[in-house]
N, C-alpha and C. Protein backbone atom coordinates (compact mmCIF):
# COMPACT_ATOMS: atom_id res chain seq x y z
N UNK A 1 12.46 -2.26 6.05
CA UNK A 1 12.14 -1.55 5.49
C UNK A 1 10.19 -1.71 5.87
N UNK A 2 10.08 -0.42 6.45
CA UNK A 2 8.75 -0.50 6.60
C UNK A 2 7.79 0.90 5.79
N UNK A 3 6.88 0.65 5.31
CA UNK A 3 6.26 1.67 5.07
C UNK A 3 4.90 1.94 5.21
N UNK A 4 4.28 2.96 5.69
CA UNK A 4 2.94 3.32 5.41
C UNK A 4 2.53 3.92 4.68
N UNK A 5 1.15 3.74 4.32
CA UNK A 5 0.68 4.61 3.40
C UNK A 5 -0.43 5.05 3.47
N UNK A 6 -0.90 6.28 4.06
CA UNK A 6 -2.55 6.66 4.27
C UNK A 6 -3.32 7.41 2.94
N UNK A 7 -4.25 6.63 2.68
CA UNK A 7 -4.92 7.54 1.42
C UNK A 7 -6.39 7.53 1.79
N UNK A 8 -6.95 9.41 1.23
CA UNK A 8 -8.26 9.36 1.50
C UNK A 8 -8.67 8.82 0.43
N UNK A 9 -9.85 8.24 0.03
CA UNK A 9 -10.35 8.39 -1.21
C UNK A 9 -11.27 9.13 -1.20
N UNK A 10 -12.21 9.43 -2.17
CA UNK A 10 -13.47 10.37 -2.67
C UNK A 10 -14.32 9.64 -2.23
N UNK A 11 -15.66 10.58 -1.74
CA UNK A 11 -17.00 9.82 -1.48
C UNK A 11 -17.55 8.89 -2.22
N UNK A 12 -17.97 7.54 -2.10
CA UNK A 12 -18.19 6.94 -3.13
C UNK A 12 -17.29 6.06 -3.77
N UNK A 13 -16.10 6.28 -3.36
CA UNK A 13 -14.69 5.46 -4.07
C UNK A 13 -14.54 3.93 -3.37
N UNK A 14 -14.84 4.46 -2.32
CA UNK A 14 -14.03 3.21 -1.33
C UNK A 14 -14.51 1.82 -1.60
N UNK A 15 -15.52 1.51 -2.03
CA UNK A 15 -15.08 -0.04 -2.83
C UNK A 15 -14.47 -0.15 -4.08
N UNK A 16 -14.27 0.70 -5.05
CA UNK A 16 -13.14 0.71 -5.80
C UNK A 16 -12.08 0.71 -5.48
N UNK A 17 -11.45 1.35 -4.09
CA UNK A 17 -10.23 1.37 -3.83
C UNK A 17 -10.02 0.24 -3.03
N UNK A 18 -11.03 -0.52 -2.16
CA UNK A 18 -10.65 -2.08 -1.86
C UNK A 18 -10.31 -3.14 -2.63
N UNK A 19 -11.35 -3.03 -3.93
CA UNK A 19 -11.30 -3.98 -4.85
C UNK A 19 -9.71 -3.71 -5.35
N UNK A 20 -9.62 -2.62 -5.80
CA UNK A 20 -8.04 -2.31 -6.41
C UNK A 20 -6.98 -2.51 -5.18
N UNK A 21 -7.12 -2.35 -4.46
CA UNK A 21 -6.17 -3.23 -3.20
C UNK A 21 -6.23 -4.45 -3.17
N UNK A 22 -7.11 -5.37 -3.23
CA UNK A 22 -7.26 -6.86 -2.99
C UNK A 22 -6.41 -7.37 -4.39
N UNK A 23 -6.58 -6.27 -5.41
CA UNK A 23 -5.91 -7.36 -6.37
C UNK A 23 -4.31 -7.22 -6.09
N UNK A 24 -3.92 -5.89 -5.79
CA UNK A 24 -2.48 -5.88 -5.41
C UNK A 24 -2.23 -6.53 -4.52
N UNK A 25 -2.62 -6.96 -3.20
CA UNK A 25 -2.63 -7.94 -2.37
C UNK A 25 -1.95 -9.44 -2.86
N UNK A 26 -3.19 -9.90 -3.44
CA UNK A 26 -3.05 -10.86 -3.96
C UNK A 26 -1.86 -10.92 -5.22
N UNK A 27 -1.51 -9.66 -6.14
CA UNK A 27 -0.19 -9.85 -6.22
C UNK A 27 1.01 -10.09 -5.40
N UNK A 28 1.10 -9.32 -4.59
CA UNK A 28 2.16 -9.21 -3.57
C UNK A 28 2.39 -10.70 -3.09
N UNK A 29 1.46 -11.08 -2.68
CA UNK A 29 1.66 -12.52 -1.96
C UNK A 29 1.69 -13.42 -3.06
N UNK A 30 1.83 -13.32 -4.49
CA UNK A 30 1.82 -14.42 -5.30
C UNK A 30 3.27 -14.15 -6.25
N UNK A 31 3.45 -13.05 -6.06
CA UNK A 31 5.35 -12.40 -6.76
C UNK A 31 6.03 -11.73 -6.12
N UNK A 32 5.75 -11.68 -4.93
CA UNK A 32 6.60 -10.44 -3.90
C UNK A 32 7.33 -11.50 -2.56
N UNK A 33 8.26 -12.74 -2.58
CA UNK A 33 8.26 -13.42 -1.37
C UNK A 33 9.35 -12.19 -0.39
N UNK A 34 10.18 -11.54 -1.13
CA UNK A 34 10.45 -10.42 -0.21
C UNK A 34 9.77 -9.57 0.36
N UNK A 35 8.15 -9.37 0.27
CA UNK A 35 7.40 -8.41 1.08
C UNK A 35 7.20 -9.17 2.37
N UNK A 36 7.40 -8.95 3.20
CA UNK A 36 6.71 -9.62 4.56
C UNK A 36 5.47 -9.56 4.79
N UNK A 37 5.18 -8.09 5.02
CA UNK A 37 3.80 -8.19 5.43
C UNK A 37 3.24 -6.53 4.46
N UNK A 38 1.77 -7.02 4.02
CA UNK A 38 1.38 -6.07 2.78
C UNK A 38 -0.15 -5.67 2.92
N UNK A 39 -0.44 -5.39 3.84
CA UNK A 39 -1.74 -5.25 4.65
C UNK A 39 -2.89 -3.90 4.57
N UNK A 40 -3.88 -3.69 4.16
CA UNK A 40 -5.25 -2.27 4.26
C UNK A 40 -6.11 -2.81 5.32
N UNK A 41 -5.87 -1.66 5.70
CA UNK A 41 -6.84 -1.12 6.80
C UNK A 41 -7.57 0.03 6.64
N UNK A 42 -9.07 -0.14 6.94
CA UNK A 42 -9.78 1.12 7.27
C UNK A 42 -10.22 1.45 8.67
N UNK A 43 -10.11 3.55 8.33
CA UNK A 43 -10.38 3.70 9.45
C UNK A 43 -11.56 3.38 9.94
N UNK A 44 -11.59 3.50 11.05
CA UNK A 44 -13.18 2.98 12.11
C UNK A 44 -13.75 4.06 12.39
N UNK A 45 -12.87 5.30 12.33
CA UNK A 45 -13.78 7.07 12.12
C UNK A 45 -14.30 6.90 11.16
N UNK A 46 -13.37 6.90 10.12
CA UNK A 46 -13.78 7.41 8.53
C UNK A 46 -13.79 6.51 7.84
N UNK A 47 -14.76 6.27 7.19
CA UNK A 47 -15.16 5.08 6.47
C UNK A 47 -14.27 5.39 4.42
N UNK A 48 -13.55 6.72 4.49
CA UNK A 48 -12.89 6.93 3.19
C UNK A 48 -11.57 7.39 3.44
N UNK A 49 -11.03 6.66 4.51
CA UNK A 49 -9.66 6.94 5.11
C UNK A 49 -8.96 5.72 5.37
N UNK A 50 -8.09 5.24 4.50
CA UNK A 50 -7.60 3.99 4.62
C UNK A 50 -5.66 3.65 4.67
N UNK A 51 -5.42 2.95 5.51
CA UNK A 51 -3.64 2.89 5.26
C UNK A 51 -3.39 1.66 5.05
N UNK A 52 -2.21 1.52 4.60
CA UNK A 52 -1.47 0.04 4.18
C UNK A 52 0.03 0.25 4.48
N UNK A 53 0.05 -0.70 5.15
CA UNK A 53 1.46 -1.26 6.38
C UNK A 53 2.13 -2.11 5.55
N UNK A 54 3.37 -1.53 5.41
CA UNK A 54 3.82 -2.76 3.95
C UNK A 54 5.39 -2.97 4.82
N UNK A 55 5.78 -4.35 4.79
CA UNK A 55 6.91 -4.15 5.46
C UNK A 55 8.24 -5.21 4.20
N UNK A 56 9.23 -4.81 4.49
CA UNK A 56 9.65 -5.33 2.93
C UNK A 56 11.43 -6.27 3.77
N UNK A 57 11.75 -6.82 3.06
CA UNK A 57 13.01 -7.45 3.61
C UNK A 57 14.20 -6.47 3.72
N UNK A 58 14.25 -5.84 2.39
CA UNK A 58 15.32 -4.88 2.54
C UNK A 58 14.98 -3.83 1.08
N UNK A 59 15.98 -3.23 0.45
CA UNK A 59 15.76 -2.18 -0.23
C UNK A 59 15.58 -2.83 -1.70
N UNK A 60 16.07 -3.69 -1.81
CA UNK A 60 15.50 -4.53 -3.27
C UNK A 60 13.86 -5.13 -3.28
N UNK A 61 13.80 -5.44 -2.21
CA UNK A 61 12.22 -5.94 -2.07
C UNK A 61 11.39 -4.68 -2.33
N UNK A 62 11.86 -3.28 -1.95
CA UNK A 62 11.14 -2.30 -1.78
C UNK A 62 11.29 -1.71 -3.76
N UNK A 63 12.00 -1.87 -4.10
CA UNK A 63 12.50 -1.55 -5.29
C UNK A 63 11.61 -2.75 -6.34
N UNK A 64 11.49 -3.48 -6.34
CA UNK A 64 10.68 -4.33 -7.07
C UNK A 64 9.36 -4.20 -6.80
N UNK A 65 8.96 -3.91 -5.77
CA UNK A 65 7.19 -3.63 -5.14
C UNK A 65 7.28 -2.61 -6.10
N UNK A 66 8.22 -1.45 -6.25
CA UNK A 66 7.62 0.03 -6.53
C UNK A 66 7.61 -0.18 -7.69
N UNK A 67 8.59 -0.81 -9.21
CA UNK A 67 8.75 -0.90 -10.05
C UNK A 67 7.68 -1.90 -10.99
N UNK A 68 6.50 -2.92 -10.26
CA UNK A 68 6.25 -3.69 -10.60
C UNK A 68 4.80 -3.29 -11.19
N UNK A 69 4.45 -4.00 -12.44
CA UNK A 69 3.16 -3.75 -13.56
C UNK A 69 2.18 -3.40 -12.57
N UNK A 70 1.94 -4.40 -11.60
CA UNK A 70 0.34 -4.01 -10.60
C UNK A 70 0.68 -2.96 -10.15
N UNK A 71 1.67 -2.48 -9.70
CA UNK A 71 2.08 -1.26 -8.64
C UNK A 71 1.49 0.10 -9.93
N UNK A 72 1.98 -0.30 -10.94
CA UNK A 72 2.00 1.30 -11.89
C UNK A 72 0.11 1.35 -12.48
N UNK A 73 -0.29 -0.04 -12.09
CA UNK A 73 -1.97 -0.31 -12.71
C UNK A 73 -2.48 0.39 -11.70
N UNK A 74 -2.10 -0.06 -9.78
CA UNK A 74 -3.00 0.68 -8.92
C UNK A 74 -2.70 2.39 -8.67
N UNK A 75 -1.40 2.67 -9.20
CA UNK A 75 -1.32 4.12 -9.05
C UNK A 75 -2.66 4.85 -10.06
N UNK A 76 -2.57 4.14 -11.25
CA UNK A 76 -3.82 4.52 -12.21
C UNK A 76 -4.90 4.52 -11.79
N UNK A 77 -5.61 3.73 -11.28
CA UNK A 77 -6.96 3.19 -10.79
C UNK A 77 -6.86 4.69 -9.46
N UNK A 78 -5.61 4.49 -8.15
CA UNK A 78 -5.73 5.73 -7.10
C UNK A 78 -5.97 6.90 -7.82
N UNK A 79 -5.33 7.38 -8.99
CA UNK A 79 -5.36 8.73 -9.32
C UNK A 79 -6.62 9.45 -9.72
N UNK A 80 -7.81 8.70 -9.74
CA UNK A 80 -9.07 8.83 -10.31
C UNK A 80 -9.64 8.52 -8.95
N UNK A 81 -9.38 7.80 -7.83
CA UNK A 81 -10.09 7.50 -6.49
C UNK A 81 -9.55 8.31 -5.26
N UNK A 82 -8.31 8.59 -5.27
CA UNK A 82 -7.78 9.51 -4.32
C UNK A 82 -8.36 11.07 -4.02
N UNK A 83 -8.63 11.63 -3.26
CA UNK A 83 -9.25 13.17 -2.60
C UNK A 83 -7.89 13.56 -1.78
N UNK A 84 -6.93 13.86 -2.69
CA UNK A 84 -5.61 14.35 -2.85
C UNK A 84 -4.46 13.13 -2.54
N UNK A 85 -3.60 13.31 -1.95
CA UNK A 85 -2.16 12.94 -2.76
C UNK A 85 -2.26 11.75 -1.17
N UNK A 86 -1.57 10.69 -1.30
CA UNK A 86 -1.37 9.72 -0.45
C UNK A 86 -0.23 10.90 0.57
N UNK A 87 -0.01 9.93 1.85
CA UNK A 87 0.75 10.27 2.91
C UNK A 87 1.82 9.37 2.82
N UNK A 88 2.87 9.13 2.49
CA UNK A 88 3.52 8.14 2.66
C UNK A 88 5.08 8.09 3.34
N UNK A 89 4.71 7.31 4.68
CA UNK A 89 5.90 7.52 4.98
C UNK A 89 6.98 6.17 5.53
N UNK A 90 8.06 6.57 5.63
CA UNK A 90 9.02 5.22 5.40
C UNK A 90 9.84 5.04 6.95
N UNK A 91 9.89 4.29 7.51
CA UNK A 91 10.71 4.00 8.54
C UNK A 91 11.69 2.84 8.03
N UNK A 92 12.47 2.62 9.24
CA UNK A 92 13.67 1.61 9.45
C UNK A 92 13.50 1.21 11.19
N UNK A 93 13.63 -0.37 10.81
CA UNK A 93 13.65 -1.17 11.90
C UNK A 93 15.20 -0.53 13.17
N UNK A 94 14.48 -0.08 14.20
CA UNK A 94 15.66 -0.28 15.15
C UNK A 94 16.23 -0.90 16.07
N UNK A 95 14.90 -1.68 16.96
CA UNK A 95 15.13 -2.47 17.58
C UNK A 95 15.89 -4.06 17.08
N UNK A 96 15.57 -4.41 16.04
CA UNK A 96 16.36 -5.60 15.27
C UNK A 96 17.85 -5.60 15.46
N UNK A 97 18.28 -4.32 14.93
CA UNK A 97 19.47 -3.89 14.20
C UNK A 97 20.41 -3.84 15.47
N UNK A 98 21.48 -4.62 15.62
CA UNK A 98 22.68 -4.78 15.74
C UNK A 98 23.62 -3.98 15.44
């Protein structure tokens, strides 16, 4: 399962989002072995636009991530930083399935 989240932050809040995401990434690396990829990207055109690219081994790994204290803490932070709602899209792999 792959998740793509687009985050637009309020002007001047970019560094706060990056700091919060670095904390989340560290949590994922240390505690979520079934999260295969968890990467933050920043738009080269709009410095207030971010994308989080996430790949999970399965639905259970995604549920573990979503239910973590670290995720709840990040959502609390994001609620003060985001300019609008996050756009979240979920994808399932096609090529590797038989």
